[in-house]
Amino acid sequence: PMAEISHRIGRMSTKDGIIKLDSLEGKRFGFTRDRYRGWLWRKGDTIYVSLIECVTPGCGDFRRLVETIRAQGLVVKVPTPLGKMCQICEHMGFEGTREYVQELEAWTDVMVLGR
């Protein structure tokens, strides 16, 4: 059905790498300059949310971003969440794990939603 096709397109449509604000990929997720500061990173079927800031905290933009990414069949990961972000992730149902980062040659804490 159409939902499955949309999930496949979401997983296949972009190469790995940075997703900038207002880029074509960013706009597909609602990741725009009027709502956020920072960037996302794509690796396979996973979107990493690292060092982003909502322009208007507390209005649900982060939740909408995560829901939009998940609706496209992608996994969302938040590496080394700090303070409030850790609480937000736990509230949204993310699960904590550890992941080896080859580029850093080190293990890091990651909150994961999906799979």
Protein backbone atom coordinates (compact mmCIF):
# COMPACT_ATOMS: atom_id res chain seq x y z
CA PRO A 1 0.00 0.00 0.00
CA MET A 2 0.87 3.69 -0.15
CA ALA A 3 2.19 3.83 3.44
CA GLU A 4 4.75 1.09 2.73
CA ILE A 5 5.88 2.84 -0.45
CA SER A 6 6.33 6.09 1.50
CA HIS A 7 8.46 4.27 4.11
CA ARG A 8 10.67 2.78 1.37
CA ILE A 9 11.13 6.15 -0.32
CA GLY A 10 12.05 7.75 3.01
CA ARG A 11 14.72 5.14 3.60
CA MET A 12 16.20 5.28 0.09
CA SER A 13 15.94 8.89 -0.98
CA THR A 14 19.02 10.47 0.57
CA LYS A 15 22.69 9.68 0.89
CA ASP A 16 24.42 9.58 4.23
CA GLY A 17 25.73 12.81 5.70
CA ILE A 18 24.75 16.14 7.15
CA ILE A 19 21.19 17.45 6.82
CA LYS A 20 21.23 21.23 6.93
CA LEU A 21 18.41 23.54 7.90
CA ASP A 22 16.13 24.39 4.94
CA SER A 23 17.81 21.81 2.68
CA LEU A 24 15.56 19.59 0.57
CA GLU A 25 15.97 16.72 3.05
CA GLY A 26 15.58 19.10 6.00
CA LYS A 27 12.32 20.44 4.62
CA ARG A 28 10.99 16.87 4.23
CA PHE A 29 11.34 16.59 8.01
CA GLY A 30 10.16 20.13 8.80
CA PHE A 31 13.74 20.95 9.84
CA THR A 32 13.71 24.64 8.99
CA ARG A 33 15.45 27.79 10.19
CA ASP A 34 12.26 29.24 11.65
CA ARG A 35 12.05 26.32 14.14
CA TYR A 36 15.59 25.07 14.79
CA ARG A 37 19.29 25.85 15.03
CA GLY A 38 21.90 23.18 14.30
CA TRP A 39 21.91 20.18 11.98
CA LEU A 40 20.91 16.53 11.65
CA TRP A 41 23.00 13.63 10.38
CA ARG A 42 21.82 10.65 8.31
CA LYS A 43 23.47 7.24 8.36
CA GLY A 44 21.51 4.56 6.52
CA ASP A 45 18.00 4.36 7.94
CA THR A 46 18.94 6.43 11.00
CA ILE A 47 18.70 10.16 11.64
CA TYR A 48 21.02 11.44 14.36
CA VAL A 49 19.78 14.49 16.26
CA SER A 50 22.83 16.17 17.70
CA LEU A 51 23.32 19.70 18.92
CA ILE A 52 20.01 21.13 17.77
CA GLU A 53 18.10 23.84 19.54
CA CYS A 54 14.43 24.72 19.12
CA VAL A 55 13.85 28.41 18.42
CA THR A 56 10.73 28.32 20.59
CA PRO A 57 11.31 25.70 23.33
CA GLY A 58 8.33 23.93 24.84
CA CYS A 59 5.94 24.24 21.90
CA GLY A 60 6.29 20.67 20.58
CA ASP A 61 8.60 21.26 17.62
CA PHE A 62 11.03 18.52 18.68
CA ARG A 63 8.18 16.02 19.07
CA ARG A 64 6.86 16.93 15.60
CA LEU A 65 10.35 16.54 14.13
CA VAL A 66 10.75 13.07 15.64
CA GLU A 67 7.24 12.01 14.58
CA THR A 68 7.86 13.20 11.01
CA ILE A 69 11.15 11.31 10.79
CA ARG A 70 9.58 8.16 12.25
CA ALA A 71 6.60 8.40 9.85
CA GLN A 72 9.12 8.01 7.01
CA GLY A 73 10.27 4.69 8.44
CA LEU A 74 13.51 5.99 9.91
CA VAL A 75 15.13 5.45 13.30
CA VAL A 76 15.92 8.50 15.46
CA LYS A 77 19.02 8.57 17.66
CA VAL A 78 20.19 11.27 20.06
CA PRO A 79 23.88 10.79 20.93
CA THR A 80 25.11 11.92 24.34
CA PRO A 81 21.91 13.70 25.37
CA LEU A 82 22.44 16.21 28.15
CA GLY A 83 20.13 17.63 30.83
CA LYS A 84 16.66 18.47 29.57
CA MET A 85 17.14 16.54 26.30
CA CYS A 86 17.63 13.34 28.28
CA GLN A 87 14.33 13.94 30.10
CA ILE A 88 12.52 14.76 26.85
CA CYS A 89 13.80 11.60 25.17
CA GLU A 90 12.78 9.40 28.09
CA HIS A 91 9.33 11.00 28.13
CA MET A 92 8.94 10.29 24.38
CA GLY A 93 9.85 6.62 24.79
CA PHE A 94 13.46 6.62 23.62
CA GLU A 95 15.60 3.84 25.06
CA GLY A 96 19.17 4.28 26.24
CA THR A 97 22.01 2.23 24.83
CA ARG A 98 25.69 2.52 23.99
CA GLU A 99 27.13 2.68 20.50
CA TYR A 100 30.68 2.46 19.21
CA VAL A 101 31.70 5.49 17.12
CA GLN A 102 34.45 4.39 14.75
CA GLU A 103 35.55 7.95 13.95
CA LEU A 104 36.13 8.66 17.65
CA GLU A 105 37.28 5.15 18.51
CA ALA A 106 35.08 5.31 21.60
CA TRP A 107 31.74 4.20 23.01
CA THR A 108 29.04 6.81 23.56
CA ASP A 109 25.60 6.91 25.17
CA VAL A 110 22.75 7.09 22.67
CA MET A 111 18.98 7.42 23.09
CA VAL A 112 17.11 5.46 20.36
CA LEU A 113 13.53 5.53 19.10
CA GLY A 114 12.66 2.97 16.47
CA ARG A 115 13.66 -0.43 15.10
